[in-house]
C-alpha atoms as a PDB file:
ATOM      1  CA  MET A   1     -65.757 101.265-118.861  1.00  0.00           C
ATOM      2  CA  HIS A   2     -64.912 101.111-115.191  1.00  0.00           C
ATOM      3  CA  LYS A   3     -64.037 104.804-115.265  1.00  0.00           C
ATOM      4  CA  HIS A   4     -67.510 105.727-116.586  1.00  0.00           C
ATOM      5  CA  VAL A   5     -69.269 103.500-114.055  1.00  0.00           C
ATOM      6  CA  ARG A   6     -67.173 104.973-111.263  1.00  0.00           C
ATOM      7  CA  ARG A   7     -67.984 108.552-112.386  1.00  0.00           C
ATOM      8  CA  SER A   8     -71.670 107.685-112.628  1.00  0.00           C
ATOM      9  CA  LEU A   9     -71.642 106.207-109.142  1.00  0.00           C
ATOM     10  CA  ILE A  10     -69.860 109.247-107.730  1.00  0.00           C
ATOM     11  CA  THR A  11     -72.273 111.607-109.477  1.00  0.00           C
ATOM     12  CA  MET A  12     -75.274 109.623-108.193  1.00  0.00           C
ATOM     13  CA  SER A  13     -73.817 109.609-104.667  1.00  0.00           C
ATOM     14  CA  VAL A  14     -73.436 113.384-104.715  1.00  0.00           C
ATOM     15  CA  VAL A  15     -76.994 113.837-105.987  1.00  0.00           C
ATOM     16  CA  VAL A  16     -78.393 111.488-103.319  1.00  0.00           C
ATOM     17  CA  ALA A  17     -76.358 113.175-100.561  1.00  0.00           C
ATOM     18  CA  ALA A  18     -77.570 116.600-101.683  1.00  0.00           C
ATOM     19  CA  ALA A  19     -81.175 115.405-101.770  1.00  0.00           C
ATOM     20  CA  VAL A  20     -80.928 113.912 -98.274  1.00  0.00           C
ATOM     21  CA  THR A  21     -79.285 116.942 -96.670  1.00  0.00           C
ATOM     22  CA  THR A  22     -81.184 119.700 -98.470  1.00  0.00           C
ATOM     23  CA  PRO A  23     -84.163 120.863 -96.425  1.00  0.00           C
ATOM     24  CA  ILE A  24     -87.476 120.541 -98.175  1.00  0.00           C
ATOM     25  CA  ALA A  25     -90.176 123.114 -97.571  1.00  0.00           C
ATOM     26  CA  VAL A  26     -93.245 121.293 -96.320  1.00  0.00           C
ATOM     27  CA  ALA A  27     -96.497 123.038 -95.525  1.00  0.00           C
ATOM     28  CA  THR A  28     -97.664 122.125 -92.039  1.00  0.00           C
ATOM     29  CA  PRO A  29    -100.699 123.358 -90.141  1.00  0.00           C
ATOM     30  CA  ASP A  30     -98.538 125.419 -87.821  1.00  0.00           C
ATOM     31  CA  ALA A  31     -95.904 126.500 -90.336  1.00  0.00           C
ATOM     32  CA  SER A  32     -94.748 130.025 -89.705  1.00  0.00           C
ATOM     33  CA  SER A  33     -91.841 132.201 -90.639  1.00  0.00           C
ATOM     34  CA  ASP A  34     -89.191 133.191 -88.123  1.00  0.00           C
ATOM     35  CA  ALA A  35     -90.632 136.714 -88.119  1.00  0.00           C
ATOM     36  CA  THR A  36     -94.096 135.398 -87.211  1.00  0.00           C
ATOM     37  CA  ALA A  37     -92.734 133.097 -84.528  1.00  0.00           C
ATOM     38  CA  SER A  38     -90.745 135.892 -82.900  1.00  0.00           C
ATOM     39  CA  ALA A  39     -93.782 138.203 -82.954  1.00  0.00           C
ATOM     40  CA  ARG A  40     -95.963 135.664 -81.082  1.00  0.00           C
ATOM     41  CA  PRO A  41     -96.883 137.052 -77.659  1.00  0.00           C
ATOM     42  CA  ALA A  42     -95.684 135.130 -74.596  1.00  0.00           C
ATOM     43  CA  PHE A  43     -99.110 133.578 -73.981  1.00  0.00           C
ATOM     44  CA  ARG A  44     -99.815 132.303 -70.466  1.00  0.00           C
ATOM     45  CA  MET A  45    -102.500 129.899 -69.377  1.00  0.00           C
ATOM     46  CA  PRO A  46    -105.782 131.759 -68.846  1.00  0.00           C
ATOM     47  CA  PHE A  47    -106.075 130.599 -65.230  1.00  0.00           C
ATOM     48  CA  GLU A  48    -104.970 131.501 -61.703  1.00  0.00           C
ATOM     49  CA  CYS A  49    -101.313 130.977 -60.781  1.00  0.00           C
ATOM     50  CA  GLY A  50    -100.543 127.424 -59.671  1.00  0.00           C
ATOM     51  CA  GLN A  51    -103.767 125.847 -60.966  1.00  0.00           C
ATOM     52  CA  ARG A  52    -103.200 122.611 -62.892  1.00  0.00           C
ATOM     53  CA  TRP A  53    -105.526 122.090 -65.879  1.00  0.00           C
ATOM     54  CA  LEU A  54    -105.942 119.228 -68.338  1.00  0.00           C
ATOM     55  CA  GLY A  55    -105.810 120.404 -71.942  1.00  0.00           C
ATOM     56  CA  SER A  56    -107.289 118.291 -74.735  1.00  0.00           C
ATOM     57  CA  ASN A  57    -106.953 118.607 -78.486  1.00  0.00           C
ATOM     58  CA  TRP A  58    -108.323 115.723 -80.531  1.00  0.00           C
ATOM     59  CA  GLN A  59    -108.871 114.726 -84.124  1.00  0.00           C
ATOM     60  CA  GLY A  60    -112.075 116.325 -85.349  1.00  0.00           C
ATOM     61  CA  HIS A  61    -112.006 119.108 -82.748  1.00  0.00           C
ATOM     62  CA  SER A  62    -113.332 122.231 -84.386  1.00  0.00           C
ATOM     63  CA  PRO A  63    -111.503 124.265 -85.264  1.00  0.00           C
ATOM     64  CA  GLY A  64    -108.310 122.279 -85.487  1.00  0.00           C
ATOM     65  CA  HIS A  65    -105.533 123.327 -83.080  1.00  0.00           C
ATOM     66  CA  SER A  66    -107.980 124.541 -80.391  1.00  0.00           C
ATOM     67  CA  ILE A  67    -107.641 123.380 -76.776  1.00  0.00           C
ATOM     68  CA  ASP A  68    -110.406 122.453 -74.337  1.00  0.00           C
ATOM     69  CA  TRP A  69    -109.301 123.029 -70.728  1.00  0.00           C
ATOM     70  CA  ASN A  70    -110.742 121.198 -67.706  1.00  0.00           C
ATOM     71  CA  HIS A  71    -109.913 121.442 -64.000  1.00  0.00           C
ATOM     72  CA  TYR A  72    -110.287 118.505 -61.598  1.00  0.00           C
ATOM     73  CA  ASP A  73    -110.548 118.365 -57.804  1.00  0.00           C
ATOM     74  CA  ALA A  74    -108.431 116.082 -55.593  1.00  0.00           C
ATOM     75  CA  ASN A  75    -110.907 113.219 -56.166  1.00  0.00           C
ATOM     76  CA  GLY A  76    -110.665 113.459 -59.955  1.00  0.00           C
ATOM     77  CA  ASN A  77    -114.030 115.175 -60.445  1.00  0.00           C
ATOM     78  CA  ARG A  78    -114.417 118.122 -62.793  1.00  0.00           C
ATOM     79  CA  ASP A  79    -114.786 121.342 -60.857  1.00  0.00           C
ATOM     80  CA  ASP A  80    -114.149 123.987 -63.475  1.00  0.00           C
ATOM     81  CA  LEU A  81    -117.658 125.480 -63.806  1.00  0.00           C
ATOM     82  CA  GLY A  82    -117.469 129.094 -62.651  1.00  0.00           C
ATOM     83  CA  ARG A  83    -113.668 129.200 -62.278  1.00  0.00           C
ATOM     84  CA  ARG A  84    -112.177 132.527 -63.245  1.00  0.00           C
ATOM     85  CA  VAL A  85    -110.657 133.042 -66.703  1.00  0.00           C
ATOM     86  CA  PHE A  86    -107.883 135.589 -67.265  1.00  0.00           C
ATOM     87  CA  ALA A  87    -106.374 137.147 -70.395  1.00  0.00           C
ATOM     88  CA  SER A  88    -103.432 135.040 -71.542  1.00  0.00           C
ATOM     89  CA  ALA A  89    -101.763 138.185 -72.954  1.00  0.00           C
ATOM     90  CA  GLY A  90    -102.548 141.870 -72.913  1.00  0.00           C
ATOM     91  CA  GLY A  91    -104.481 143.535 -75.715  1.00  0.00           C
ATOM     92  CA  LYS A  92    -107.799 144.934 -76.862  1.00  0.00           C
ATOM     93  CA  VAL A  93    -111.137 143.116 -76.673  1.00  0.00           C
ATOM     94  CA  LEU A  94    -112.198 142.736 -80.314  1.00  0.00           C
ATOM     95  CA  ALA A  95    -115.428 140.859 -79.531  1.00  0.00           C
ATOM     96  CA  SER A  96    -117.539 139.964 -76.513  1.00  0.00           C
ATOM     97  CA  TYR A  97    -120.813 138.307 -77.506  1.00  0.00           C
ATOM     98  CA  TYR A  98    -123.115 135.296 -77.313  1.00  0.00           C
ATOM     99  CA  SER A  99    -122.727 133.213 -80.475  1.00  0.00           C
ATOM    100  CA  THR A 100    -125.837 131.497 -81.752  1.00  0.00           C
ATOM    101  CA  ASP A 101    -124.422 130.179 -85.029  1.00  0.00           C
ATOM    102  CA  THR A 102    -121.047 128.628 -84.121  1.00  0.00           C
ATOM    103  CA  GLY A 103    -121.860 126.813 -80.892  1.00  0.00           C
ATOM    104  CA  TYR A 104    -119.302 128.901 -78.968  1.00  0.00           C
ATOM    105  CA  GLY A 105    -121.913 130.455 -76.676  1.00  0.00           C
ATOM    106  CA  ASN A 106    -120.434 133.276 -74.589  1.00  0.00           C
ATOM    107  CA  THR A 107    -117.282 134.249 -76.448  1.00  0.00           C
ATOM    108  CA  ILE A 108    -114.455 136.749 -76.023  1.00  0.00           C
ATOM    109  CA  VAL A 109    -111.794 137.516 -78.639  1.00  0.00           C
ATOM    110  CA  ILE A 110    -108.753 139.571 -77.682  1.00  0.00           C
ATOM    111  CA  GLY A 111    -106.367 141.149 -80.214  1.00  0.00           C
ATOM    112  CA  HIS A 112    -102.716 141.194 -79.154  1.00  0.00           C
ATOM    113  CA  GLY A 113    -101.138 143.023 -82.116  1.00  0.00           C
ATOM    114  CA  ASP A 114     -99.227 141.805 -85.189  1.00  0.00           C
ATOM    115  CA  GLY A 115    -102.254 139.709 -86.245  1.00  0.00           C
ATOM    116  CA  TRP A 116    -102.357 137.673 -83.006  1.00  0.00           C
ATOM    117  CA  GLN A 117    -105.647 136.945 -81.226  1.00  0.00           C
ATOM    118  CA  THR A 118    -107.012 134.589 -78.567  1.00  0.00           C
ATOM    119  CA  ARG A 119    -110.556 133.246 -78.363  1.00  0.00           C
ATOM    120  CA  TYR A 120    -112.234 132.073 -75.131  1.00  0.00           C
ATOM    121  CA  ALA A 121    -115.574 130.275 -75.578  1.00  0.00           C
ATOM    122  CA  HIS A 122    -118.423 128.530 -73.702  1.00  0.00           C
ATOM    123  CA  LEU A 123    -118.028 131.060 -70.894  1.00  0.00           C
ATOM    124  CA  LYS A 124    -120.548 131.235 -68.055  1.00  0.00           C
ATOM    125  CA  ALA A 125    -119.950 134.982 -67.765  1.00  0.00           C
ATOM    126  CA  ARG A 126    -118.160 137.645 -69.808  1.00  0.00           C
ATOM    127  CA  ASP A 127    -116.565 140.369 -67.679  1.00  0.00           C
ATOM    128  CA  VAL A 128    -115.217 142.593 -70.487  1.00  0.00           C
ATOM    129  CA  LYS A 129    -116.886 144.449 -73.322  1.00  0.00           C
ATOM    130  CA  LYS A 130    -115.778 145.018 -76.899  1.00  0.00           C
ATOM    131  CA  GLY A 131    -113.245 147.854 -77.092  1.00  0.00           C
ATOM    132  CA  ALA A 132    -111.843 147.369 -73.571  1.00  0.00           C
ATOM    133  CA  THR A 133    -108.086 147.225 -73.066  1.00  0.00           C
ATOM    134  CA  VAL A 134    -106.949 144.289 -70.930  1.00  0.00           C
ATOM    135  CA  LYS A 135    -103.657 143.378 -69.296  1.00  0.00           C
ATOM    136  CA  VAL A 136    -102.208 139.886 -69.088  1.00  0.00           C
ATOM    137  CA  GLY A 137    -103.806 138.234 -66.072  1.00  0.00           C
ATOM    138  CA  GLN A 138    -106.867 140.494 -66.029  1.00  0.00           C
ATOM    139  CA  ARG A 139    -110.112 138.664 -65.297  1.00  0.00           C
ATOM    140  CA  ILE A 140    -112.250 138.402 -68.440  1.00  0.00           C
ATOM    141  CA  GLY A 141    -114.878 135.809 -67.509  1.00  0.00           C
ATOM    142  CA  GLN A 142    -115.778 132.469 -65.948  1.00  0.00           C
ATOM    143  CA  VAL A 143    -115.619 128.902 -67.247  1.00  0.00           C
ATOM    144  CA  GLY A 144    -119.015 127.702 -68.404  1.00  0.00           C
ATOM    145  CA  LYS A 145    -120.881 125.399 -70.739  1.00  0.00           C
ATOM    146  CA  SER A 146    -122.760 127.898 -72.871  1.00  0.00           C
ATOM    147  CA  SER A 147    -123.675 126.919 -76.419  1.00  0.00           C
ATOM    148  CA  ALA A 148    -126.726 127.619 -78.538  1.00  0.00           C
ATOM    149  CA  LYS A 149    -126.140 124.468 -80.611  1.00  0.00           C
ATOM    150  CA  TYR A 150    -124.751 121.770 -78.311  1.00  0.00           C
ATOM    151  CA  ASP A 151    -125.352 120.235 -74.899  1.00  0.00           C
ATOM    152  CA  ILE A 152    -121.824 120.283 -73.471  1.00  0.00           C
ATOM    153  CA  THR A 153    -120.061 119.862 -70.147  1.00  0.00           C
ATOM    154  CA  ALA A 154    -118.249 122.809 -68.588  1.00  0.00           C
ATOM    155  CA  HIS A 155    -114.827 123.623 -70.028  1.00  0.00           C
ATOM    156  CA  LEU A 156    -112.913 126.529 -71.522  1.00  0.00           C
ATOM    157  CA  HIS A 157    -112.517 126.380 -75.289  1.00  0.00           C
ATOM    158  CA  TYR A 158    -109.286 128.255 -76.106  1.00  0.00           C
ATOM    159  CA  GLU A 159    -107.690 129.229 -79.420  1.00  0.00           C
ATOM    160  CA  GLN A 160    -104.635 131.179 -80.517  1.00  0.00           C
ATOM    161  CA  MET A 161    -105.099 132.776 -83.937  1.00  0.00           C
ATOM    162  CA  HIS A 162    -102.773 134.536 -86.315  1.00  0.00           C
ATOM    163  CA  ASP A 163    -104.049 136.608 -89.234  1.00  0.00           C
ATOM    164  CA  GLY A 164    -107.504 135.061 -88.819  1.00  0.00           C
ATOM    165  CA  ASP A 165    -106.416 131.407 -88.759  1.00  0.00           C
ATOM    166  CA  THR A 166    -106.395 129.192 -85.673  1.00  0.00           C
ATOM    167  CA  VAL A 167    -102.807 128.012 -85.201  1.00  0.00           C
ATOM    168  CA  VAL A 168    -101.041 125.493 -82.976  1.00  0.00           C
ATOM    169  CA  SER A 169    -100.957 127.132 -79.554  1.00  0.00           C
ATOM    170  CA  VAL A 170     -97.816 127.866 -77.592  1.00  0.00           C
ATOM    171  CA  VAL A 171     -98.711 128.313 -73.919  1.00  0.00           C
ATOM    172  CA  GLN A 172     -95.962 129.349 -71.491  1.00  0.00           C
ATOM    173  CA  GLY A 173     -93.377 128.129 -73.998  1.00  0.00           C
ATOM    174  CA  VAL A 174     -95.045 124.712 -74.468  1.00  0.00           C
ATOM    175  CA  MET A 175     -96.262 123.871 -77.978  1.00  0.00           C
ATOM    176  CA  TRP A 176     -99.687 122.220 -78.078  1.00  0.00           C
ATOM    177  CA  GLY A 177     -99.507 120.160 -81.259  1.00  0.00           C
ATOM    178  CA  ASP A 178    -102.620 118.383 -82.445  1.00  0.00           C
ATOM    179  CA  TYR A 179    -104.161 115.341 -80.733  1.00  0.00           C
ATOM    180  CA  LEU A 180    -102.657 115.943 -77.293  1.00  0.00           C
ATOM    181  CA  LYS A 181    -104.083 115.467 -73.838  1.00  0.00           C
ATOM    182  CA  ARG A 182    -101.863 116.655 -71.014  1.00  0.00           C
ATOM    183  CA  ASN A 183    -101.701 118.709 -67.852  1.00  0.00           C
ATOM    184  CA  GLN A 184    -100.134 122.118 -67.511  1.00  0.00           C
ATOM    185  CA  THR A 185     -99.800 124.423 -64.504  1.00  0.00           C
ATOM    186  CA  SER A 186    -100.642 128.117 -64.876  1.00  0.00           C
ATOM    187  CA  LYS A 187     -97.967 130.783 -64.419  1.00  0.00           C
ATOM    188  CA  ASN A 188    -100.456 133.577 -65.048  1.00  0.00           C
ATOM    189  CA  ARG A 189    -100.943 136.092 -62.212  1.00  0.00           C
ATOM    190  CA  CYS A 190     -97.931 134.748 -60.278  1.00  0.00           C
ATOM    191  CA  SER A 191     -96.114 137.306 -58.061  1.00  0.00           C
END
């Protein structure tokens, strides 16, 4: 009897150990294969070198995973209206338009290859047209508060998309998971 109990306990221990150490595939909002992750462009902040911006991503932000960027002066007041916006990676302008149905207002979408795109919205001005080729750090517009649907304060709405879906952004090697609010300093246009 003790032999059977001992075998059963050993068998159960092995099963439990295997279950604990075996990775389980879990679908997450930013799940991606190694191939997709390695193909992601080295996105930079869409602002002038050395500028420090506060990025916000909150529950209910639409679409999920998008970041709203704000700049503040030395006194803590927002001063981002009209600040220049630069391409966070090189590519081709897929869209440059004023959206009346999504609330994005002045919007630019840049394709970066391998299914990767960035969207810049609520712009005060759009400096590139559909079909243009842009380099990382090239000026594409100005921060604004444009929206046909909402009365908003000035900020840059920013998204990274892959194969048509907005994904968790990685900006200058920093992952912007959901529900974050933190500062980051731009390395775009440095040197």
